[in-house]
């Protein structure tokens, strides 16, 4: 009994399957990195940031504030590792080149952002107060 599939069809499906397998195996060459590699990179970057903050004698909280997108656990690990390393090798901290940023002042509230309470005037009354004196007769 002969096979019901045509030899050309079998050859074509095998060729397409191998081509797809080769294309999927070449994802590393396309610059697509796996998620685990991206996570490892973020952790390594966080540790480097934490170590640099400790070496520059910055507080851990300042390090978090200056690097809000960094992984906080990795920053802490880097800061702690650098602290241990500096104590063991009796290294001094360095003075940071850039001064710490001043605390940012909150942005001025616009008229739309105001919260009206029972003791506040109504918005219409405030608008009437702003009209020139000649218009208030």
Protein backbone atom coordinates (compact mmCIF):
# COMPACT_ATOMS: atom_id res chain seq x y z
CA UNK A 1 0.00 0.00 0.00
CA UNK A 2 1.39 3.38 -0.99
CA UNK A 3 1.39 6.53 1.10
CA UNK A 4 -1.45 8.91 0.31
CA UNK A 5 0.81 12.02 0.40
CA UNK A 6 2.62 13.06 -2.70
CA UNK A 7 6.45 13.01 -2.44
CA UNK A 8 6.67 16.65 -3.55
CA UNK A 9 4.25 17.73 -0.83
CA UNK A 10 6.23 15.81 1.79
CA UNK A 11 9.48 17.40 0.56
CA UNK A 12 7.91 20.89 0.62
CA UNK A 13 6.53 20.52 4.16
CA UNK A 14 9.88 19.19 5.42
CA UNK A 15 11.74 22.08 3.79
CA UNK A 16 9.36 24.67 5.24
CA UNK A 17 9.62 23.10 8.71
CA UNK A 18 13.41 23.19 8.61
CA UNK A 19 13.40 26.79 7.36
CA UNK A 20 11.10 27.84 10.20
CA UNK A 21 13.29 26.03 12.73
CA UNK A 22 16.41 27.75 11.41
CA UNK A 23 14.71 31.16 11.45
CA UNK A 24 13.61 30.76 15.05
CA UNK A 25 17.03 29.58 16.15
CA UNK A 26 18.60 32.73 14.69
CA UNK A 27 16.71 35.17 16.93
CA UNK A 28 19.93 36.00 18.79
CA UNK A 29 21.38 37.36 15.56
CA UNK A 30 18.46 39.74 15.11
CA UNK A 31 19.18 41.57 18.35
CA UNK A 32 16.21 40.16 20.21
CA UNK A 33 17.33 39.38 23.72
CA UNK A 34 15.46 37.02 26.00
CA UNK A 35 13.61 38.43 28.99
CA UNK A 36 15.97 36.75 31.45
CA UNK A 37 18.94 38.54 29.90
CA UNK A 38 17.14 41.90 30.15
CA UNK A 39 16.37 41.27 33.84
CA UNK A 40 20.01 40.32 34.50
CA UNK A 41 21.10 43.58 32.86
CA UNK A 42 18.75 45.67 35.04
CA UNK A 43 19.98 43.92 38.19
CA UNK A 44 23.63 44.48 37.22
CA UNK A 45 22.91 48.13 36.46
CA UNK A 46 21.16 48.56 39.81
CA UNK A 47 24.12 47.03 41.65
CA UNK A 48 26.50 49.35 39.82
CA UNK A 49 24.37 52.36 40.74
CA UNK A 50 24.27 51.30 44.40
CA UNK A 51 28.01 50.72 44.53
CA UNK A 52 28.71 54.09 42.95
CA UNK A 53 26.37 55.83 45.42
CA UNK A 54 28.15 54.23 48.37
CA UNK A 55 31.57 55.09 46.99
CA UNK A 56 30.42 58.71 46.56
CA UNK A 57 29.20 58.71 50.19
CA UNK A 58 25.56 59.21 49.21
CA UNK A 59 22.80 57.91 51.43
CA UNK A 60 20.80 54.99 50.15
CA UNK A 61 17.62 57.09 50.13
CA UNK A 62 19.34 59.71 47.95
CA UNK A 63 20.43 56.98 45.59
CA UNK A 64 16.82 55.82 45.25
CA UNK A 65 15.64 59.39 44.67
CA UNK A 66 18.26 60.15 42.01
CA UNK A 67 17.58 56.84 40.18
CA UNK A 68 13.83 56.23 40.37
CA UNK A 69 13.79 53.72 37.50
CA UNK A 70 16.49 51.50 38.99
CA UNK A 71 15.63 48.22 40.69
CA UNK A 72 15.62 49.15 44.40
CA UNK A 73 16.65 45.69 45.62
CA UNK A 74 19.61 45.63 43.24
CA UNK A 75 20.62 49.17 44.25
CA UNK A 76 20.55 48.11 47.89
CA UNK A 77 22.64 45.00 47.16
CA UNK A 78 25.22 47.06 45.29
CA UNK A 79 25.34 49.68 48.04
CA UNK A 80 25.73 47.00 50.73
CA UNK A 81 28.41 45.08 48.78
CA UNK A 82 30.41 48.27 48.22
CA UNK A 83 30.08 49.16 51.91
CA UNK A 84 31.53 45.79 52.93
CA UNK A 85 34.29 46.09 50.32
CA UNK A 86 35.24 49.61 51.44
CA UNK A 87 35.35 48.60 55.11
CA UNK A 88 37.47 45.51 54.43
CA UNK A 89 39.97 47.43 52.28
CA UNK A 90 39.85 50.62 54.39
CA UNK A 91 38.90 52.78 51.41
CA UNK A 92 37.77 56.37 51.78
CA UNK A 93 34.76 57.78 50.03
CA UNK A 94 35.17 60.26 47.21
CA UNK A 95 33.54 63.66 46.99
CA UNK A 96 30.84 63.65 44.32
CA UNK A 97 31.53 65.94 41.38
CA UNK A 98 27.91 67.02 41.08
CA UNK A 99 26.29 68.55 44.14
CA UNK A 100 23.10 66.99 45.44
CA UNK A 101 19.99 68.38 43.79
CA UNK A 102 17.93 70.83 45.77
CA UNK A 103 14.49 69.67 46.76
CA UNK A 104 12.08 70.44 43.97
CA UNK A 105 9.34 72.89 44.83
CA UNK A 106 5.81 71.81 43.97
CA UNK A 107 4.44 73.39 40.82
CA UNK A 108 2.15 76.37 41.24
CA UNK A 109 -1.50 75.43 41.29
CA UNK A 110 -3.62 76.61 38.43
CA UNK A 111 -7.21 77.81 38.84
CA UNK A 112 -8.45 74.42 37.62
CA UNK A 113 -6.48 72.59 40.34
CA UNK A 114 -7.97 74.51 43.27
CA UNK A 115 -10.15 72.56 45.61
CA UNK A 116 -13.24 74.44 46.69
CA UNK A 117 -14.28 73.94 50.29
CA UNK A 118 -17.28 75.31 52.15
CA UNK A 119 -15.31 78.28 53.45
CA UNK A 120 -13.97 79.25 50.00
CA UNK A 121 -15.78 81.65 47.73
CA UNK A 122 -17.54 80.26 44.73
CA UNK A 123 -15.52 80.38 41.48
CA UNK A 124 -18.02 82.85 40.01
CA UNK A 125 -17.43 85.23 42.94
CA UNK A 126 -13.67 85.03 42.40
CA UNK A 127 -14.13 85.85 38.73
CA UNK A 128 -16.31 88.84 39.66
CA UNK A 129 -13.62 90.11 42.05
CA UNK A 130 -11.08 90.15 39.23
CA UNK A 131 -13.17 92.51 37.03
CA UNK A 132 -12.09 96.14 36.92
CA UNK A 133 -13.69 98.49 39.42
CA UNK A 134 -15.53 100.38 36.65
CA UNK A 135 -17.41 97.22 35.69
CA UNK A 136 -18.60 96.62 39.31
CA UNK A 137 -21.29 99.34 39.61
